N, C-alpha and C. Protein backbone atom coordinates (compact mmCIF):
# COMPACT_ATOMS: atom_id res chain seq x y z
N UNK A 1 -20.95 -4.08 -6.36
CA UNK A 1 -19.65 -4.40 -5.84
C UNK A 1 -19.69 -4.30 -4.31
N UNK A 2 -19.18 -5.32 -3.65
CA UNK A 2 -19.17 -5.34 -2.19
C UNK A 2 -18.11 -4.38 -1.65
N UNK A 3 -18.44 -3.81 -0.52
CA UNK A 3 -17.49 -2.88 0.10
C UNK A 3 -16.31 -3.67 0.66
N UNK A 4 -15.12 -3.17 0.42
CA UNK A 4 -13.91 -3.82 0.89
C UNK A 4 -13.80 -3.65 2.40
N UNK A 5 -13.54 -4.76 3.08
CA UNK A 5 -13.40 -4.72 4.52
C UNK A 5 -11.91 -4.79 4.86
N UNK A 6 -11.47 -3.81 5.64
CA UNK A 6 -10.07 -3.79 6.07
C UNK A 6 -10.00 -4.50 7.41
N UNK A 7 -9.20 -5.57 7.49
CA UNK A 7 -9.15 -6.32 8.75
C UNK A 7 -8.53 -5.53 9.89
N UNK A 8 -8.94 -5.90 11.09
CA UNK A 8 -8.39 -5.32 12.31
C UNK A 8 -7.24 -6.18 12.80
N UNK A 9 -6.21 -5.55 13.27
CA UNK A 9 -5.10 -6.25 13.92
C UNK A 9 -5.15 -5.86 15.38
N UNK A 10 -5.47 -6.82 16.21
CA UNK A 10 -5.57 -6.56 17.65
C UNK A 10 -4.25 -6.94 18.31
N UNK A 11 -3.65 -5.97 18.94
CA UNK A 11 -2.38 -6.19 19.63
C UNK A 11 -2.53 -5.66 21.06
N UNK A 12 -2.25 -6.51 22.01
CA UNK A 12 -2.22 -6.09 23.40
C UNK A 12 -0.76 -6.13 23.84
N UNK A 13 -0.26 -4.99 24.25
CA UNK A 13 1.14 -4.90 24.66
C UNK A 13 1.21 -4.98 26.18
N UNK A 14 1.87 -6.00 26.63
CA UNK A 14 2.02 -6.17 28.08
C UNK A 14 3.18 -5.32 28.57
N UNK A 15 3.07 -4.92 29.80
CA UNK A 15 4.11 -4.09 30.40
C UNK A 15 5.45 -4.81 30.37
N UNK A 16 6.47 -4.09 29.98
CA UNK A 16 7.82 -4.64 29.94
C UNK A 16 8.18 -5.35 28.64
N UNK A 17 7.22 -5.44 27.69
CA UNK A 17 7.50 -6.09 26.41
C UNK A 17 8.19 -5.10 25.49
N UNK A 18 9.27 -5.52 24.90
CA UNK A 18 10.05 -4.70 23.99
C UNK A 18 9.35 -4.65 22.62
N UNK A 19 9.31 -3.48 22.01
CA UNK A 19 8.69 -3.34 20.69
C UNK A 19 9.39 -4.20 19.64
N UNK A 20 10.67 -4.44 19.81
CA UNK A 20 11.40 -5.29 18.88
C UNK A 20 10.87 -6.73 18.94
N UNK A 21 10.47 -7.16 20.13
CA UNK A 21 9.89 -8.50 20.27
C UNK A 21 8.58 -8.59 19.50
N UNK A 22 7.81 -7.51 19.51
CA UNK A 22 6.56 -7.49 18.75
C UNK A 22 6.86 -7.53 17.26
N UNK A 23 7.84 -6.78 16.84
CA UNK A 23 8.21 -6.70 15.43
C UNK A 23 8.65 -8.07 14.90
N UNK A 24 9.27 -8.89 15.72
CA UNK A 24 9.78 -10.17 15.27
C UNK A 24 8.85 -11.34 15.62
N UNK A 25 7.66 -11.03 16.10
CA UNK A 25 6.69 -12.07 16.41
C UNK A 25 6.23 -12.72 15.11
N UNK A 26 6.35 -14.05 15.03
CA UNK A 26 6.05 -14.77 13.79
C UNK A 26 4.60 -14.63 13.35
N UNK A 27 3.67 -14.66 14.29
CA UNK A 27 2.26 -14.53 13.94
C UNK A 27 1.96 -13.15 13.36
N UNK A 28 2.50 -12.13 13.96
CA UNK A 28 2.27 -10.76 13.47
C UNK A 28 2.91 -10.59 12.11
N UNK A 29 4.13 -11.10 11.93
CA UNK A 29 4.80 -11.00 10.63
C UNK A 29 3.98 -11.68 9.54
N UNK A 30 3.48 -12.88 9.83
CA UNK A 30 2.71 -13.61 8.82
C UNK A 30 1.46 -12.84 8.41
N UNK A 31 0.74 -12.33 9.40
CA UNK A 31 -0.48 -11.56 9.10
C UNK A 31 -0.13 -10.32 8.29
N UNK A 32 0.86 -9.57 8.74
CA UNK A 32 1.20 -8.32 8.06
C UNK A 32 1.72 -8.52 6.65
N UNK A 33 2.63 -9.46 6.45
CA UNK A 33 3.17 -9.67 5.11
C UNK A 33 2.10 -10.16 4.15
N UNK A 34 1.22 -11.04 4.62
CA UNK A 34 0.11 -11.47 3.75
C UNK A 34 -0.80 -10.30 3.42
N UNK A 35 -1.11 -9.47 4.40
CA UNK A 35 -1.98 -8.32 4.17
C UNK A 35 -1.33 -7.27 3.29
N UNK A 36 -0.02 -7.09 3.41
CA UNK A 36 0.70 -6.14 2.55
C UNK A 36 0.49 -6.52 1.09
N UNK A 37 0.67 -7.79 0.78
CA UNK A 37 0.53 -8.25 -0.60
C UNK A 37 -0.91 -8.07 -1.09
N UNK A 38 -1.87 -8.47 -0.28
CA UNK A 38 -3.28 -8.36 -0.67
C UNK A 38 -3.68 -6.89 -0.84
N UNK A 39 -3.31 -6.05 0.12
CA UNK A 39 -3.70 -4.63 0.06
C UNK A 39 -3.09 -3.92 -1.14
N UNK A 40 -1.83 -4.20 -1.43
CA UNK A 40 -1.18 -3.56 -2.58
C UNK A 40 -1.81 -4.06 -3.88
N UNK A 41 -2.11 -5.33 -3.94
CA UNK A 41 -2.75 -5.88 -5.15
C UNK A 41 -4.10 -5.21 -5.38
N UNK A 42 -4.92 -5.10 -4.32
CA UNK A 42 -6.22 -4.45 -4.45
C UNK A 42 -6.08 -2.98 -4.82
N UNK A 43 -5.17 -2.28 -4.19
CA UNK A 43 -4.98 -0.85 -4.47
C UNK A 43 -4.47 -0.65 -5.89
N UNK A 44 -3.60 -1.53 -6.36
CA UNK A 44 -3.07 -1.43 -7.72
C UNK A 44 -4.19 -1.64 -8.75
N UNK A 45 -5.06 -2.60 -8.48
CA UNK A 45 -6.16 -2.88 -9.41
C UNK A 45 -7.16 -1.74 -9.49
N UNK A 46 -7.29 -0.99 -8.41
CA UNK A 46 -8.25 0.13 -8.39
C UNK A 46 -7.57 1.49 -8.55
N UNK A 47 -6.29 1.48 -8.94
CA UNK A 47 -5.53 2.71 -9.21
C UNK A 47 -5.46 3.67 -8.02
N UNK A 48 -5.34 3.12 -6.84
CA UNK A 48 -5.20 3.94 -5.65
C UNK A 48 -3.75 4.40 -5.49
N UNK A 49 -3.56 5.46 -4.75
CA UNK A 49 -2.22 5.96 -4.46
C UNK A 49 -1.70 5.45 -3.12
N UNK A 50 -2.56 4.72 -2.41
CA UNK A 50 -2.20 4.24 -1.09
C UNK A 50 -2.89 2.89 -0.87
N UNK A 51 -2.18 1.96 -0.24
CA UNK A 51 -2.74 0.66 0.11
C UNK A 51 -2.94 0.61 1.62
N UNK A 52 -4.17 0.38 2.05
CA UNK A 52 -4.46 0.28 3.47
C UNK A 52 -4.36 -1.18 3.88
N UNK A 53 -3.44 -1.46 4.80
CA UNK A 53 -3.11 -2.84 5.15
C UNK A 53 -4.04 -3.35 6.25
N UNK A 54 -4.05 -2.71 7.40
CA UNK A 54 -4.89 -3.13 8.53
C UNK A 54 -5.29 -1.92 9.36
N UNK A 55 -6.33 -2.12 10.16
CA UNK A 55 -6.71 -1.15 11.18
C UNK A 55 -6.18 -1.68 12.51
N UNK A 56 -5.70 -0.81 13.35
CA UNK A 56 -5.13 -1.21 14.63
C UNK A 56 -6.17 -1.13 15.75
N UNK A 57 -6.47 -2.26 16.34
CA UNK A 57 -7.34 -2.36 17.52
C UNK A 57 -8.65 -1.61 17.40
N UNK A 58 -9.24 -1.57 16.22
CA UNK A 58 -10.52 -0.87 15.98
C UNK A 58 -10.50 0.58 16.44
N UNK A 59 -9.36 1.25 16.28
CA UNK A 59 -9.20 2.63 16.75
C UNK A 59 -9.43 3.66 15.66
N UNK A 60 -9.54 3.22 14.42
CA UNK A 60 -9.62 4.17 13.32
C UNK A 60 -8.24 4.58 12.83
N UNK A 61 -7.20 3.98 13.41
CA UNK A 61 -5.82 4.20 12.95
C UNK A 61 -5.43 3.03 12.07
N UNK A 62 -4.86 3.37 10.91
CA UNK A 62 -4.57 2.36 9.90
C UNK A 62 -3.08 2.31 9.59
N UNK A 63 -2.64 1.14 9.20
CA UNK A 63 -1.30 0.99 8.62
C UNK A 63 -1.50 1.03 7.11
N UNK A 64 -0.92 2.03 6.47
CA UNK A 64 -1.06 2.21 5.02
C UNK A 64 0.32 2.37 4.40
N UNK A 65 0.38 2.06 3.09
CA UNK A 65 1.63 2.17 2.36
C UNK A 65 1.39 3.04 1.12
N UNK A 66 2.16 4.10 0.96
CA UNK A 66 2.07 4.95 -0.23
C UNK A 66 2.59 4.20 -1.44
N UNK A 67 2.05 4.54 -2.60
CA UNK A 67 2.40 3.86 -3.85
C UNK A 67 3.92 3.85 -4.09
N UNK A 68 4.60 4.92 -3.76
CA UNK A 68 6.04 4.97 -4.03
C UNK A 68 6.82 3.95 -3.20
N UNK A 69 6.20 3.43 -2.14
CA UNK A 69 6.86 2.43 -1.29
C UNK A 69 6.36 1.00 -1.54
N UNK A 70 5.48 0.82 -2.50
CA UNK A 70 4.92 -0.51 -2.74
C UNK A 70 5.98 -1.53 -3.13
N UNK A 71 6.85 -1.17 -4.06
CA UNK A 71 7.85 -2.14 -4.52
C UNK A 71 8.78 -2.55 -3.38
N UNK A 72 9.20 -1.59 -2.58
CA UNK A 72 10.08 -1.88 -1.46
C UNK A 72 9.38 -2.81 -0.46
N UNK A 73 8.12 -2.55 -0.19
CA UNK A 73 7.35 -3.38 0.74
C UNK A 73 7.14 -4.79 0.17
N UNK A 74 6.88 -4.86 -1.12
CA UNK A 74 6.69 -6.17 -1.75
C UNK A 74 8.00 -6.97 -1.77
N UNK A 75 9.11 -6.29 -1.97
CA UNK A 75 10.42 -6.97 -1.92
C UNK A 75 10.68 -7.55 -0.54
N UNK A 76 10.32 -6.80 0.52
CA UNK A 76 10.47 -7.31 1.89
C UNK A 76 9.56 -8.52 2.12
N UNK A 77 8.33 -8.45 1.60
CA UNK A 77 7.41 -9.58 1.73
C UNK A 77 7.93 -10.79 0.96
N UNK A 78 8.49 -10.53 -0.20
CA UNK A 78 9.05 -11.61 -1.02
C UNK A 78 10.23 -12.28 -0.30
N UNK A 79 11.06 -11.48 0.33
CA UNK A 79 12.17 -12.02 1.12
C UNK A 79 11.65 -12.87 2.28
N UNK A 80 10.62 -12.38 2.95
CA UNK A 80 10.03 -13.11 4.07
C UNK A 80 9.51 -14.48 3.61
N UNK A 81 8.74 -14.50 2.51
CA UNK A 81 8.17 -15.76 2.02
C UNK A 81 9.24 -16.67 1.43
N UNK A 82 10.29 -16.10 0.89
CA UNK A 82 11.41 -16.91 0.39
C UNK A 82 12.09 -17.65 1.55
N UNK A 83 12.24 -16.97 2.67
CA UNK A 83 12.83 -17.61 3.85
C UNK A 83 11.96 -18.75 4.37
N UNK A 84 10.65 -18.66 4.14
CA UNK A 84 9.73 -19.73 4.53
C UNK A 84 9.59 -20.78 3.42
N UNK A 85 10.32 -20.57 2.32
CA UNK A 85 10.31 -21.45 1.15
C UNK A 85 8.93 -21.54 0.50
N UNK A 86 8.21 -20.44 0.52
CA UNK A 86 6.91 -20.34 -0.16
C UNK A 86 7.13 -19.67 -1.51
N UNK A 87 7.71 -20.44 -2.43
CA UNK A 87 8.17 -19.89 -3.70
C UNK A 87 7.03 -19.52 -4.64
N UNK A 88 5.89 -20.20 -4.53
CA UNK A 88 4.76 -19.84 -5.37
C UNK A 88 4.27 -18.43 -5.02
N UNK A 89 4.25 -18.14 -3.72
CA UNK A 89 3.86 -16.80 -3.26
C UNK A 89 4.88 -15.76 -3.75
N UNK A 90 6.16 -16.14 -3.72
CA UNK A 90 7.21 -15.23 -4.21
C UNK A 90 7.01 -14.91 -5.69
N UNK A 91 6.62 -15.93 -6.47
CA UNK A 91 6.38 -15.72 -7.90
C UNK A 91 5.18 -14.79 -8.11
N UNK A 92 4.13 -14.96 -7.30
CA UNK A 92 2.97 -14.08 -7.41
C UNK A 92 3.34 -12.63 -7.06
N UNK A 93 4.17 -12.48 -6.04
CA UNK A 93 4.63 -11.14 -5.65
C UNK A 93 5.45 -10.52 -6.76
N UNK A 94 6.30 -11.31 -7.42
CA UNK A 94 7.11 -10.79 -8.52
C UNK A 94 6.23 -10.32 -9.68
N UNK A 95 5.15 -11.06 -9.96
CA UNK A 95 4.21 -10.63 -11.01
C UNK A 95 3.58 -9.29 -10.63
N UNK A 96 3.25 -9.14 -9.36
CA UNK A 96 2.67 -7.88 -8.90
C UNK A 96 3.67 -6.73 -9.02
N UNK A 97 4.92 -6.99 -8.66
CA UNK A 97 5.98 -5.98 -8.80
C UNK A 97 6.13 -5.59 -10.27
N UNK A 98 6.13 -6.59 -11.14
CA UNK A 98 6.25 -6.31 -12.58
C UNK A 98 5.08 -5.47 -13.09
N UNK A 99 3.87 -5.76 -12.60
CA UNK A 99 2.71 -4.98 -13.06
C UNK A 99 2.79 -3.54 -12.55
N UNK A 100 3.34 -3.36 -11.35
CA UNK A 100 3.52 -2.01 -10.82
C UNK A 100 4.59 -1.28 -11.64
N UNK A 101 5.66 -1.99 -12.01
CA UNK A 101 6.73 -1.39 -12.82
C UNK A 101 6.19 -0.96 -14.18
N UNK A 102 5.30 -1.76 -14.78
CA UNK A 102 4.83 -1.43 -16.12
C UNK A 102 3.78 -0.33 -16.11
N UNK A 103 3.03 -0.22 -15.02
CA UNK A 103 1.98 0.78 -14.97
C UNK A 103 2.29 1.93 -14.01
N UNK A 104 2.99 1.63 -12.94
CA UNK A 104 3.19 2.59 -11.86
C UNK A 104 3.82 3.90 -12.29
N UNK A 105 4.81 3.84 -13.17
CA UNK A 105 5.48 5.08 -13.54
C UNK A 105 4.55 6.00 -14.33
N UNK A 106 3.61 5.42 -15.06
CA UNK A 106 2.66 6.24 -15.81
C UNK A 106 1.73 6.97 -14.85
N UNK A 107 1.39 6.31 -13.77
CA UNK A 107 0.46 6.90 -12.80
C UNK A 107 1.13 7.99 -11.97
N UNK A 108 2.36 7.77 -11.57
CA UNK A 108 3.04 8.71 -10.68
C UNK A 108 3.61 9.92 -11.38
N UNK A 109 4.02 9.74 -12.60
CA UNK A 109 4.72 10.82 -13.29
C UNK A 109 3.92 11.30 -14.48
N UNK A 110 2.77 11.88 -14.18
CA UNK A 110 1.95 12.45 -15.23
C UNK A 110 2.59 13.73 -15.75
N UNK A 111 2.30 14.02 -16.97
CA UNK A 111 2.83 15.24 -17.57
C UNK A 111 2.23 16.44 -16.83
N UNK A 112 3.09 17.30 -16.38
CA UNK A 112 2.65 18.49 -15.64
C UNK A 112 2.08 19.50 -16.62
N UNK A 113 1.08 20.26 -16.20
CA UNK A 113 0.52 21.28 -17.09
C UNK A 113 1.56 22.38 -17.35
N UNK A 114 1.49 22.94 -18.54
CA UNK A 114 2.44 23.99 -18.90
C UNK A 114 2.08 25.27 -18.16
N UNK A 115 3.08 25.88 -17.63
CA UNK A 115 2.85 27.14 -16.91
C UNK A 115 3.42 28.33 -17.67
N UNK A 116 4.14 28.05 -18.76
CA UNK A 116 4.76 29.15 -19.50
C UNK A 116 3.79 29.83 -20.47
N UNK A 117 2.63 29.20 -20.75
CA UNK A 117 1.64 29.81 -21.63
C UNK A 117 0.40 30.14 -20.82
N UNK A 118 -0.17 31.30 -21.06
CA UNK A 118 -1.39 31.65 -20.32
C UNK A 118 -2.55 30.76 -20.76
N UNK A 119 -3.45 30.53 -19.85
CA UNK A 119 -4.63 29.74 -20.14
C UNK A 119 -5.66 30.66 -20.78
N UNK A 120 -6.00 30.42 -22.05
CA UNK A 120 -6.90 31.31 -22.77
C UNK A 120 -8.36 30.91 -22.63
N UNK A 121 -8.61 29.89 -21.83
CA UNK A 121 -10.00 29.48 -21.64
C UNK A 121 -10.72 30.50 -20.78
N UNK A 122 -11.91 30.83 -21.20
CA UNK A 122 -12.69 31.76 -20.38
C UNK A 122 -13.71 30.98 -19.59
N UNK A 123 -14.06 31.50 -18.49
CA UNK A 123 -15.03 30.84 -17.62
C UNK A 123 -16.33 31.62 -17.62
N UNK A 124 -17.43 30.89 -17.58
CA UNK A 124 -18.72 31.59 -17.51
C UNK A 124 -19.02 32.01 -16.08
N UNK A 125 -18.20 31.55 -15.15
CA UNK A 125 -18.37 31.94 -13.76
C UNK A 125 -17.43 33.08 -13.41
N UNK A 126 -17.93 34.00 -12.65
CA UNK A 126 -17.09 35.12 -12.22
C UNK A 126 -17.00 35.08 -10.72
N UNK A 127 -15.89 35.58 -10.20
CA UNK A 127 -15.67 35.62 -8.78
C UNK A 127 -16.52 36.72 -8.17
N UNK A 128 -17.26 36.36 -7.12
CA UNK A 128 -18.11 37.35 -6.45
C UNK A 128 -17.25 38.28 -5.62
N UNK A 129 -17.61 39.56 -5.63
CA UNK A 129 -16.84 40.55 -4.88
C UNK A 129 -17.33 40.65 -3.47
């Protein structure tokens, strides 16, 4: 299996540029929303708890999304692509949301171990004094 490559997002911020202008930049939005969908799909297939979207300027700093925020992020991506009238992409995102709904709750809400009964298992290892 080939190692997954996380793309770099290179952003140069010029002096006096408002961060809101960067947030609403069409090129950045397109790259990020596409990567959000791909990263969540890959993370869901490999049962990860976090989807890594991009690395920023080759700094070792990443934009990642925790599993509990995947549906919200996918809904935002779906809204973005709907505004661009890319309905096939919206349908693919909905399938991904549905797969997270059917599997995600099982992964996040595992049965907690009982704490009211003592553990009667003995260990062959002893703690060194």
